[in-house]
Each structure stands twice: as structure tokens, then as C-alpha cells.
Amino acid sequence: MSLQVRHLPQDFRTVYNPVEVVVIETSSLTRGYEGFAYLLDVKDGSTSVGRLRVPPTTDGFGRFDMSGIMESYLSSDLGDLNTSNILGMTANANSWKDFTIQIGWEHYNGGTYTIDMPKSFTIPEGTDPVESVDLTVFNGSLPQYRRDIENFFDWQETDYFKLYTDGGSGIRRWLTHQPTGGINSKSNLKTKLTDEGYAYFLYDHANFEIDRYKIVSYNSAGAVQSTTEVKKPTALTDKHIKVPAYPSTLNDIASTEILSGSQPIIPSNSSSYSIELFFGSDSNSIKLFFSLDSECRYETRRIEFLNSLGGFDYFNFTQVSRHSEEIERKFFKKNVDDLGASGAISYDISNREKVQYYTKSMPSLKLVSNWISYDKFNWLLEMIESPEIYLIDTYTNDKTGVRHNRRVPIKNIKENWEEKREDTDQLFNLEINLEFGMDNFRQRF
């Protein structure tokens, strides 16, 4: 008899999708014992964090979904705001985790409880039995179907994750579905010199090393203005990492982190710039391009949102915005004290019968984008459906008089979405309504 794993998730699994293992005990005699069930332990190193138990199917298979256990150990990692003298790369410790998986079974043959755990098993990619396998998961949540990006079904293809971890020939993708753009391209995301933000990537350091990333700025003619290389800290071996990607954050990188070039990394007269990962002189990623935007007719409203690949994206709404409040009130009715000492009733229009005892105001914000192309519009579906959204609000500190950025949590974007097509749709505005993640109360009675 032997225990075999017939389906094993590939590495760098998106944890908010099914993370499933299928096993079978090849001995039908053993599977037929009273109370026979497969066991699977999920471990954090040597510490068990959960055990799953499933009975065999009619075909003898045991099917486990570990995502419920694993996702409880992951969340997300926001980049710091209002920074100075920062590192060029930092770990996202909350966004990924390595787990160890062990498998076995139990039964009550002859009325005696028997457990064999952990038990040696074979895996699809190997012939020699093992007692455990390791699996890296990260905080991705891919859709079942979304036409122009990878779906969960794509991710299950053999070694699909290497499109995000394999630096060979500069094919590594960033953890974003935003348009990659080009030098001064209309597809570039627009950003202001004062914008803060980061870009995220997966790092399989055991196979594809990185030691720096390069930022190149261009003028309006597309000529290179400056090139800056920022180092990766030697000790940084986490598998989910972020780098400064927007002008203000890039220009806050400490000079000690710069291998070549100098501050400011993004000069004020730049027209566009790119970021790219490297190992020495070898590219380890595609380029992400951004265009500098000096639009200042209206106040810019900047949105930060968790995307389906577990990184945060950003988008600026640069047209007129409207703040509104929805008011909810509750009242009680009291007996009016209008009977005088002499017994006469003093009827008066100013007597108050209904008294307000509960007031809740729910703030919302209507935002309108500038003209955007179909590819940006379709990408922004990830913002509308995101479970974690922030308005990056710029304010002046009353005590210091210094302007800062702060995150205001957004509960919901009240908006539906309809796909745009390159062959039928050209330019349009995106209009959304934000529901804030807090309520305001005024209680007086």
C-alpha cells in the first residue's frame, strides 16, 4: 500500500482562490477500514496551524482545500506615507507565507483507533516518497473569468507563476494589471511630482536574483534625462517586495541606497519615467512607465486600492469632485409642558413636541476622472471591486503648518462597470461615488 498525491498546487499560489490537494491510498483494503479518513496538517515551520480531515470519495480520493487556514495568516502591506531617507526596497511580510504540508490517514479497524501521521507519500513531479512538501502562498485573489487579464484558471497552468518570478530575458511581470505604457505614451498612468506610492513584485531569490532596480527619466522628446540605480538590501530575501514607484516617494530614497545617479531621481522638468528590476546589467522585469501630469485646474483626488495580485495600485481623479453627506435622524415625541400654574393652557407655536435624539451623517465623495482610454478604464474595474480602498488625502497639520498625506478608508465604491472595447470605444470619463468607511454622529439627548 502507498499514499499518493495526485494533485498538488504549484508554488506561489493565490491564497484567496482554492488551494487544493488530492490524495489517494492505493490499498482498497485500507480504505475500506471502518472510519477511514485522510488527514492533512498545515504547518508553519514545525508548528501545526491546522488539521483537515476528509472521508474518501466513492473513487477513493481525498480532496482538501487549505485556503481557509492559510488565508487567515495573510493580509496586505501598505507603503509608508510622508517618508524621508527611505530604503529602495522593503519586504511585504503580511502578503506572503511559506507553509509545510504533511499527509496521513486514520481508521478504526477491529475497533482500535489507528493513525498514521505523517505518512510518506509520492507527488506528481517525483518518484521518491517524501514526508512533507512546502508551499508558498501570497495574497492574490484572481477572478474566475476576466477576459484581458489572467484568471484563476490560467494560474493553474504549469509554472504560470514564473511569469511573475522568472527574471529571465526581462519577462517578470509586476503585481499589477495597469497598462505598462512606453516613453511618453498615452497608455502611461499619469502622476504628479507630489504623488507617493509603490510598485509590488514576487521574488524567487533561490532561482532569479535581483540586486537593484533602475529608474530612467525622459524629457518631452523622449530623450533620457537621468538614470538612477537603487540597491536591494543584501538581507532582503522575502518573496513579496515593494519599491518606491511614484515621484515623491522615489525622491525620498536615501542617498546611501543609490548605486549610481543622484537625487532628485525624478527631476521637476521630466515628462515621463520608467522603473525596471535588474541583476547587475541584466534586466529582471518588464518596464513600468509613468507620465508626469501638471494638471491643476481642480483638486486631485488620489485613490489607493488593493488589486487582484496582492499589490496596491493608484489612480488620480483630476476633474471636479463633490463631497456630500447623507443624514439619518431619529426622534421621540414628548408631552409639551404648556400648563401654567393657574391651570391655563398656553398654546404656542414654539412648543416642541418632536425631539431629535439621534443623528448620523454618512459622508460620500463623487469623483470624475480626466479622459482615459479603454485599457485604463477596463483596468480600473480592479479599483471598483477592491476590498481595500483608501483616499490619499492631503491636509495641513494645524500644529506644525506642514502639509501631509493621510489615508482615509473607503467602505465602498457605489458603481457598476461595463467593459470598453478598443474597436468601438475611444475616450471617456470614469465617474464613481465613494462611501467612506466611517460615520459621523451627533447625539444630544
Protein backbone atom coordinates (compact mmCIF):
# COMPACT_ATOMS: atom_id res chain seq x y z
CA MET A 1 0.00 0.00 0.00
CA SER A 2 1.14 3.57 -0.59
CA LEU A 3 -0.16 7.10 -0.32
CA GLN A 4 -0.04 9.21 -3.45
CA VAL A 5 -0.69 12.90 -4.07
CA ARG A 6 -2.47 13.20 -7.41
CA HIS A 7 -2.93 16.99 -7.39
CA LEU A 8 -0.53 19.42 -5.71
CA PRO A 9 -0.78 23.24 -6.09
CA GLN A 10 2.16 24.86 -7.80
CA ASP A 11 4.23 27.33 -5.83
CA PHE A 12 3.26 30.99 -5.34
CA ARG A 13 -0.41 30.09 -5.05
CA THR A 14 -3.05 32.83 -4.83
CA VAL A 15 -4.38 32.20 -1.32
CA TYR A 16 -7.89 33.62 -1.79
CA ASN A 17 -8.56 31.06 -4.51
CA PRO A 18 -8.86 27.31 -3.78
CA VAL A 19 -5.57 25.80 -2.57
CA GLU A 20 -6.33 22.11 -3.03
CA VAL A 21 -4.55 18.78 -2.60
CA VAL A 22 -5.93 15.46 -3.86
CA VAL A 23 -4.56 12.22 -2.33
CA ILE A 24 -5.32 8.53 -2.59
CA GLU A 25 -4.37 5.47 -0.58
CA THR A 26 -3.72 2.85 -3.25
CA SER A 27 -4.77 -0.03 -0.99
CA SER A 28 -8.54 -0.50 -1.31
CA LEU A 29 -8.35 -2.81 1.72
CA THR A 30 -7.02 0.01 3.89
CA ARG A 31 -9.54 2.49 2.51
CA GLY A 32 -12.30 0.04 3.40
CA TYR A 33 -11.50 0.00 7.12
CA GLU A 34 -14.17 1.38 9.43
CA GLY A 35 -13.89 5.15 9.91
CA PHE A 36 -11.13 5.54 7.32
CA ALA A 37 -10.36 9.23 6.64
CA TYR A 38 -7.50 11.18 5.14
CA LEU A 39 -5.67 13.72 7.29
CA LEU A 40 -3.70 16.79 6.22
CA ASP A 41 -1.67 19.01 8.54
CA VAL A 42 -0.80 22.60 7.61
CA LYS A 43 2.33 23.75 9.43
CA ASP A 44 4.17 26.99 9.94
CA GLY A 45 7.65 25.52 10.15
CA SER A 46 7.36 22.84 12.82
CA THR A 47 4.22 24.35 14.38
CA SER A 48 0.89 22.91 13.32
CA VAL A 49 -1.64 25.63 12.46
CA GLY A 50 -4.48 23.41 11.32
CA ARG A 51 -5.56 19.84 10.57
CA LEU A 52 -8.11 18.88 7.93
CA ARG A 53 -9.96 15.56 7.87
CA VAL A 54 -11.94 14.25 4.88
CA PRO A 55 -13.51 10.86 4.14
CA PRO A 56 -12.68 9.22 0.81
CA THR A 57 -14.88 9.76 -2.22
CA THR A 58 -16.51 6.76 -3.91
CA ASP A 59 -13.39 6.59 -6.09
CA GLY A 60 -11.14 6.59 -3.03
CA PHE A 61 -9.76 10.13 -3.30
CA GLY A 62 -9.32 12.64 -0.51
CA ARG A 63 -9.74 16.27 -1.54
CA PHE A 64 -8.50 19.05 0.74
CA ASP A 65 -8.84 22.83 0.36
CA MET A 66 -6.28 24.57 2.59
CA SER A 67 -7.11 28.16 1.61
CA GLY A 68 -9.31 28.77 4.68
CA ILE A 69 -6.42 28.03 7.03
CA MET A 70 -3.75 29.78 5.00
CA GLU A 71 -5.62 32.99 4.23
CA SER A 72 -6.10 33.70 7.94
CA TYR A 73 -2.33 34.29 8.18
CA LEU A 74 -2.15 36.78 5.32
CA SER A 75 -3.35 40.35 4.86
CA SER A 76 -1.68 43.18 2.90
CA ASP A 77 1.16 45.70 3.14
CA LEU A 78 0.71 49.41 2.58
CA GLY A 79 3.69 51.62 1.86
CA ASP A 80 4.61 54.45 4.22
CA LEU A 81 3.43 57.99 3.54
CA ASN A 82 5.25 61.25 4.38
CA THR A 83 8.59 59.49 4.13
CA SER A 84 12.21 60.65 4.17
CA ASN A 85 15.54 58.86 3.71
CA ILE A 86 13.88 55.52 3.00
CA LEU A 87 15.11 52.18 1.68
CA GLY A 88 14.80 51.44 -2.01
CA MET A 89 13.20 48.02 -1.40
CA THR A 90 11.21 46.70 1.55
CA ALA A 91 9.57 43.40 2.43
CA ASN A 92 5.82 42.79 2.48
CA ALA A 93 5.81 40.33 5.37
CA ASN A 94 2.00 40.23 5.66
CA SER A 95 1.42 39.44 2.00
CA TRP A 96 3.03 36.00 1.66
CA LYS A 97 3.88 32.92 3.72
CA ASP A 98 5.58 29.53 3.41
CA PHE A 99 3.65 26.53 4.74
CA THR A 100 4.62 22.89 5.19
CA ILE A 101 2.09 20.17 4.32
CA GLN A 102 2.01 16.67 5.83
CA ILE A 103 -0.48 13.91 4.96
CA GLY A 104 -1.69 10.67 6.55
CA TRP A 105 -4.84 8.76 7.48
CA GLU A 106 -6.81 7.28 10.36
CA HIS A 107 -9.27 4.38 10.81
CA TYR A 108 -10.92 2.08 13.39
CA ASN A 109 -10.05 -1.37 12.03
CA GLY A 110 -11.12 -4.01 14.56
CA GLY A 111 -12.47 -1.34 16.91
CA THR A 112 -8.95 0.02 17.56
CA TYR A 113 -8.16 3.57 16.58
CA THR A 114 -5.14 3.74 14.29
CA ILE A 115 -3.48 6.90 12.99
CA ASP A 116 -0.54 7.07 10.60
CA MET A 117 0.56 10.70 10.57
CA PRO A 118 2.76 11.93 8.99
CA LYS A 119 2.95 9.30 6.31
CA SER A 120 5.35 9.10 3.35
CA PHE A 121 3.75 9.88 0.01
CA THR A 122 4.70 10.48 -3.60
CA ILE A 123 3.97 13.64 -5.56
CA PRO A 124 3.18 14.07 -9.27
CA GLU A 125 6.59 15.59 -10.06
CA GLY A 126 8.66 13.00 -8.19
CA THR A 127 9.15 9.26 -7.75
CA ASP A 128 10.79 9.08 -4.32
CA PRO A 129 8.46 9.22 -1.29
CA VAL A 130 8.57 12.34 0.88
CA GLU A 131 7.08 13.12 4.30
CA SER A 132 6.25 16.77 3.60
CA VAL A 133 6.09 19.42 0.91
CA ASP A 134 6.46 23.19 1.19
CA LEU A 135 4.15 25.67 -0.50
CA THR A 136 4.45 29.44 -0.89
CA VAL A 137 1.18 31.36 -1.00
CA PHE A 138 0.58 35.09 -1.44
CA ASN A 139 -2.39 37.41 -1.04
CA GLY A 140 -3.68 37.18 -4.61
CA SER A 141 -7.36 36.72 -5.44
CA LEU A 142 -7.76 36.09 -9.15
CA PRO A 143 -11.17 36.22 -10.85
CA GLN A 144 -12.78 33.16 -12.34
CA TYR A 145 -13.24 34.99 -15.62
CA ARG A 146 -11.89 38.34 -16.72
CA ARG A 147 -11.11 38.50 -20.40
CA ASP A 148 -7.98 40.62 -20.71
CA ILE A 149 -6.09 39.50 -17.59
CA GLU A 150 -5.11 36.12 -16.24
CA ASN A 151 -7.88 34.26 -14.47
CA PHE A 152 -7.60 31.69 -11.70
CA PHE A 153 -7.84 29.01 -14.37
CA ASP A 154 -4.77 30.48 -16.10
CA TRP A 155 -2.82 30.46 -12.85
CA GLN A 156 -3.29 26.70 -12.54
CA GLU A 157 -1.32 26.13 -15.76
CA THR A 158 2.08 24.50 -15.27
CA ASP A 159 4.60 27.04 -13.93
CA TYR A 160 2.37 30.00 -14.74
CA PHE A 161 3.67 31.72 -11.59
CA LYS A 162 7.07 32.04 -13.26
CA LEU A 163 5.69 34.88 -15.37
CA TYR A 164 5.83 36.82 -12.08
CA THR A 165 9.01 35.34 -10.59
CA ASP A 166 11.21 34.45 -13.59
CA GLY A 167 13.58 37.29 -14.38
CA GLY A 168 14.96 35.60 -17.48
CA SER A 169 15.08 37.94 -20.50
CA GLY A 170 13.23 40.63 -18.56
CA ILE A 171 9.86 38.88 -18.65
CA ARG A 172 8.99 39.20 -14.95
CA ARG A 173 5.67 40.98 -14.52
CA TRP A 174 4.89 43.38 -11.69
CA LEU A 175 1.97 42.67 -9.37
CA THR A 176 -0.37 44.95 -11.27
CA HIS A 177 -2.62 44.89 -14.31
CA GLN A 178 -2.18 48.59 -15.03
CA PRO A 179 -1.12 49.45 -18.61
CA THR A 180 2.68 49.16 -18.85
CA GLY A 181 2.94 52.03 -21.36
CA GLY A 182 6.05 53.41 -23.05
CA ILE A 183 8.09 56.60 -23.32
CA ASN A 184 5.60 59.48 -23.21
CA SER A 185 2.84 57.03 -24.21
CA LYS A 186 -0.85 57.87 -23.81
CA SER A 187 -1.22 54.50 -22.07
CA ASN A 188 1.02 55.58 -19.18
CA LEU A 189 -0.54 56.24 -15.81
CA LYS A 190 -0.40 59.92 -15.04
CA THR A 191 1.17 61.04 -11.79
CA LYS A 192 2.15 64.30 -10.12
CA LEU A 193 5.53 65.17 -8.64
CA THR A 194 3.90 65.23 -5.20
CA ASP A 195 2.38 61.74 -5.52
CA GLU A 196 3.52 58.95 -3.21
CA GLY A 197 3.26 55.24 -3.96
CA TYR A 198 4.91 51.88 -4.54
CA ALA A 199 5.09 49.00 -7.02
CA TYR A 200 4.99 45.35 -5.91
CA PHE A 201 6.63 42.16 -7.21
CA LEU A 202 7.25 38.50 -6.33
CA TYR A 203 10.82 37.43 -5.63
CA ASP A 204 12.03 33.85 -6.13
CA HIS A 205 15.51 34.63 -4.87
CA ALA A 206 16.61 30.98 -4.94
CA ASN A 207 16.39 30.97 -8.75
CA PHE A 208 16.28 34.51 -10.09
CA GLU A 209 18.37 37.02 -8.17
CA ILE A 210 17.83 40.78 -8.04
CA ASP A 211 20.30 43.30 -6.69
CA ARG A 212 18.93 46.67 -7.88
CA TYR A 213 16.28 48.50 -9.80
CA LYS A 214 16.69 51.26 -12.36
CA ILE A 215 14.69 54.45 -12.79
CA VAL A 216 15.07 56.33 -16.08
CA SER A 217 13.50 59.76 -16.63
CA TYR A 218 12.76 61.18 -20.09
CA ASN A 219 12.08 64.65 -21.48
CA SER A 220 9.18 65.61 -23.73
CA ALA A 221 11.14 64.49 -26.81
CA GLY A 222 11.67 61.02 -25.34
CA ALA A 223 15.39 61.52 -24.67
CA VAL A 224 16.92 60.18 -21.46
CA GLN A 225 17.32 62.85 -18.81
CA SER A 226 18.75 60.82 -15.96
CA THR A 227 19.35 57.22 -14.92
CA THR A 228 19.40 56.13 -11.29
CA GLU A 229 20.11 52.66 -9.85
CA VAL A 230 18.86 51.82 -6.36
CA LYS A 231 20.22 48.81 -4.47
CA LYS A 232 18.39 45.91 -2.88
CA PRO A 233 19.43 45.30 0.73
CA THR A 234 21.51 42.12 0.79
CA ALA A 235 19.48 40.56 3.61
CA LEU A 236 16.17 41.09 1.83
CA THR A 237 15.04 37.62 0.76
CA ASP A 238 11.27 37.91 1.28
CA LYS A 239 9.14 36.63 -1.58
CA HIS A 240 6.83 39.65 -1.79
CA ILE A 241 8.53 43.06 -2.08
CA LYS A 242 7.68 46.68 -2.85
CA VAL A 243 9.74 49.53 -4.26
CA PRO A 244 9.08 53.28 -4.42
CA ALA A 245 7.45 53.91 -7.81
CA TYR A 246 5.93 57.41 -7.69
CA PRO A 247 7.85 60.71 -7.79
CA SER A 248 7.63 61.95 -4.21
CA THR A 249 8.50 58.54 -2.75
CA LEU A 250 11.31 58.00 -5.26
CA ASN A 251 12.74 61.39 -4.38
CA ASP A 252 12.72 60.41 -0.69
CA ILE A 253 15.08 57.43 -1.15
CA ALA A 254 18.20 57.87 0.98
CA SER A 255 21.37 58.73 -0.93
CA THR A 256 23.09 55.74 0.73
CA GLU A 257 20.70 53.45 -1.19
CA ILE A 258 21.70 54.83 -4.59
CA LEU A 259 24.27 52.83 -6.56
CA SER A 260 24.50 55.29 -9.45
CA GLY A 261 22.88 58.61 -10.19
CA SER A 262 21.66 61.10 -7.61
CA GLN A 263 18.64 62.83 -6.14
CA PRO A 264 16.24 64.06 -7.31
CA ILE A 265 15.57 60.79 -9.09
CA ILE A 266 12.60 62.37 -10.89
CA PRO A 267 13.55 65.94 -11.93
CA SER A 268 10.78 68.52 -11.95
CA ASN A 269 11.07 69.01 -15.73
CA SER A 270 10.65 65.31 -16.57
CA SER A 271 7.90 64.25 -18.96
CA SER A 272 7.86 60.52 -18.15
CA TYR A 273 9.91 57.84 -16.43
CA SER A 274 10.26 54.06 -16.15
CA ILE A 275 11.16 51.57 -13.43
CA GLU A 276 12.75 48.16 -14.05
CA LEU A 277 14.34 45.40 -11.92
CA PHE A 278 17.92 44.27 -12.58
CA PHE A 279 20.64 41.84 -11.54
CA GLY A 280 23.82 43.66 -12.44
CA SER A 281 23.37 44.70 -16.08
CA ASP A 282 20.71 42.06 -16.80
CA SER A 283 17.06 43.08 -16.83
CA ASN A 284 14.86 41.07 -14.48
CA SER A 285 11.46 42.56 -15.26
CA ILE A 286 9.39 44.40 -17.82
CA LYS A 287 9.39 48.19 -17.62
CA LEU A 288 6.60 50.15 -16.00
CA PHE A 289 6.16 53.65 -17.46
CA PHE A 290 4.56 56.71 -15.87
CA SER A 291 3.86 60.20 -17.24
CA LEU A 292 4.21 63.40 -15.23
CA ASP A 293 0.99 65.40 -15.06
CA SER A 294 0.87 69.09 -14.20
CA GLU A 295 -2.93 69.32 -14.36
CA CYS A 296 -4.00 71.64 -11.52
CA ARG A 297 -7.36 73.11 -12.54
CA TYR A 298 -9.15 71.08 -9.88
CA GLU A 299 -8.02 69.39 -6.70
CA THR A 300 -6.52 65.97 -7.47
CA ARG A 301 -8.12 63.08 -5.57
CA ARG A 302 -5.80 60.09 -5.35
CA ILE A 303 -7.14 56.56 -4.78
CA GLU A 304 -5.04 53.64 -3.50
CA PHE A 305 -6.50 50.16 -3.83
CA LEU A 306 -5.56 46.51 -3.36
CA ASN A 307 -5.51 44.73 -6.70
CA SER A 308 -6.19 41.07 -7.51
CA LEU A 309 -2.47 40.24 -7.48
CA GLY A 310 -1.92 41.38 -3.89
CA GLY A 311 -0.20 44.70 -4.60
CA PHE A 312 -1.56 48.22 -4.32
CA ASP A 313 -2.34 50.38 -7.34
CA TYR A 314 -3.06 54.11 -7.57
CA PHE A 315 -5.17 56.36 -9.72
CA ASN A 316 -5.67 60.13 -9.79
CA PHE A 317 -9.08 61.71 -10.37
CA THR A 318 -8.33 65.20 -11.65
CA GLN A 319 -11.74 66.65 -12.56
CA VAL A 320 -14.21 68.34 -10.25
CA SER A 321 -15.15 66.39 -7.10
CA ARG A 322 -18.21 66.80 -4.87
CA HIS A 323 -18.42 65.99 -1.17
CA SER A 324 -21.89 65.18 0.17
CA GLU A 325 -23.49 63.88 3.37
CA GLU A 326 -26.50 61.58 3.75
CA ILE A 327 -28.28 62.41 7.00
CA GLU A 328 -30.26 59.95 9.13
CA ARG A 329 -32.32 61.30 12.05
CA LYS A 330 -34.45 59.71 14.79
CA PHE A 331 -36.99 61.45 17.05
CA PHE A 332 -39.11 60.87 20.11
CA LYS A 333 -42.36 62.72 20.90
CA LYS A 334 -42.73 64.32 24.32
CA ASN A 335 -45.63 65.86 26.17
CA VAL A 336 -45.40 69.62 25.87
CA ASP A 337 -45.17 71.46 29.21
CA ASP A 338 -47.79 74.13 28.38
CA LEU A 339 -49.96 74.02 31.51
CA GLY A 340 -49.43 77.13 33.63
CA ALA A 341 -49.57 77.43 37.43
CA SER A 342 -53.10 78.86 37.24
CA GLY A 343 -54.36 75.93 35.23
CA ALA A 344 -54.47 77.86 31.96
CA ILE A 345 -53.03 76.21 28.86
CA SER A 346 -50.50 78.30 26.97
CA TYR A 347 -50.72 77.22 23.35
CA ASP A 348 -47.61 78.36 21.50
CA ILE A 349 -46.25 77.56 18.07
CA SER A 350 -42.75 77.43 19.57
CA ASN A 351 -43.61 74.40 21.74
CA ARG A 352 -41.52 71.42 20.70
CA GLU A 353 -43.23 68.01 20.58
CA LYS A 354 -40.74 66.08 18.45
CA VAL A 355 -37.20 65.96 19.81
CA GLN A 356 -34.27 64.70 17.76
CA TYR A 357 -32.18 62.26 19.79
CA TYR A 358 -30.06 60.54 17.12
CA THR A 359 -28.22 61.98 14.12
CA LYS A 360 -25.90 60.08 11.81
CA SER A 361 -24.28 61.58 8.75
CA MET A 362 -22.67 59.33 6.16
CA PRO A 363 -20.09 61.16 4.01
CA SER A 364 -19.55 60.33 0.36
CA LEU A 365 -17.45 61.77 -2.43
CA LYS A 366 -18.19 61.93 -6.15
CA LEU A 367 -15.08 61.74 -8.34
CA VAL A 368 -14.62 62.21 -12.07
CA SER A 369 -11.53 61.20 -14.00
CA ASN A 370 -9.92 63.02 -16.88
CA TRP A 371 -10.33 61.49 -20.32
CA ILE A 372 -8.98 57.94 -20.24
CA SER A 373 -8.54 55.20 -22.83
CA TYR A 374 -10.30 51.84 -22.93
CA ASP A 375 -7.34 49.93 -21.40
CA LYS A 376 -7.20 52.18 -18.33
CA PHE A 377 -10.97 52.04 -17.94
CA ASN A 378 -11.01 48.23 -18.06
CA TRP A 379 -8.10 48.02 -15.59
CA LEU A 380 -9.99 50.24 -13.12
CA LEU A 381 -12.56 47.50 -12.56
CA GLU A 382 -9.99 46.29 -10.02
CA MET A 383 -10.46 49.54 -8.11
CA ILE A 384 -14.26 49.37 -8.17
CA GLU A 385 -14.35 45.80 -6.82
CA SER A 386 -11.34 46.08 -4.48
CA PRO A 387 -11.87 45.00 -0.84
CA GLU A 388 -9.33 47.55 0.46
CA ILE A 389 -9.52 51.14 -0.80
CA TYR A 390 -8.13 54.43 0.52
CA LEU A 391 -8.41 58.06 -0.40
CA ILE A 392 -4.98 59.64 -0.02
CA ASP A 393 -5.98 62.98 1.41
CA THR A 394 -3.62 65.96 1.56
CA TYR A 395 -4.10 68.20 4.58
CA THR A 396 -2.27 70.85 6.60
CA ASN A 397 -1.35 69.96 10.17
CA ASP A 398 -2.83 72.62 12.47
CA LYS A 399 0.10 72.47 14.91
CA THR A 400 3.04 72.46 12.51
CA GLY A 401 1.53 74.07 9.43
CA VAL A 402 3.12 71.32 7.32
CA ARG A 403 1.14 69.61 4.56
CA HIS A 404 0.91 65.82 4.86
CA ASN A 405 -0.79 62.91 3.20
CA ARG A 406 -3.09 60.59 5.14
CA ARG A 407 -5.19 57.57 4.26
CA VAL A 408 -8.96 57.81 4.59
CA PRO A 409 -10.60 54.34 4.45
CA ILE A 410 -13.28 53.82 1.82
CA LYS A 411 -16.11 51.41 2.61
CA ASN A 412 -17.43 51.02 -0.89
CA ILE A 413 -17.43 52.40 -4.41
CA LYS A 414 -21.05 52.74 -5.48
CA GLU A 415 -20.58 52.00 -9.12
CA ASN A 416 -21.28 49.35 -11.72
CA TRP A 417 -18.93 48.71 -14.61
CA GLU A 418 -19.24 47.95 -18.30
CA GLU A 419 -16.32 46.82 -20.43
CA LYS A 420 -14.96 49.17 -23.11
CA ARG A 421 -13.69 47.93 -26.47
CA GLU A 422 -10.78 49.28 -28.49
CA ASP A 423 -12.69 48.90 -31.76
CA THR A 424 -15.83 50.70 -30.59
CA ASP A 425 -14.88 52.99 -27.69
CA GLN A 426 -12.38 55.83 -27.68
CA LEU A 427 -12.05 58.29 -24.78
CA PHE A 428 -14.38 58.76 -21.83
CA ASN A 429 -14.53 59.76 -18.16
CA LEU A 430 -14.90 57.39 -15.25
CA GLU A 431 -17.31 58.67 -12.60
CA ILE A 432 -17.51 56.99 -9.17
CA ASN A 433 -19.11 57.64 -5.79
CA LEU A 434 -17.12 56.78 -2.67
CA GLU A 435 -18.75 55.73 0.59
CA PHE A 436 -16.38 56.47 3.45
CA GLY A 437 -15.54 53.81 5.99
CA MET A 438 -16.80 55.81 8.95
CA ASP A 439 -19.98 57.58 10.12
CA ASN A 440 -20.36 60.88 11.97
CA PHE A 441 -22.73 61.08 14.97
CA ARG A 442 -24.36 63.95 16.83
CA GLN A 443 -26.30 62.83 19.90
CA ARG A 444 -27.71 65.40 22.28
CA PHE A 445 -30.45 63.68 24.32
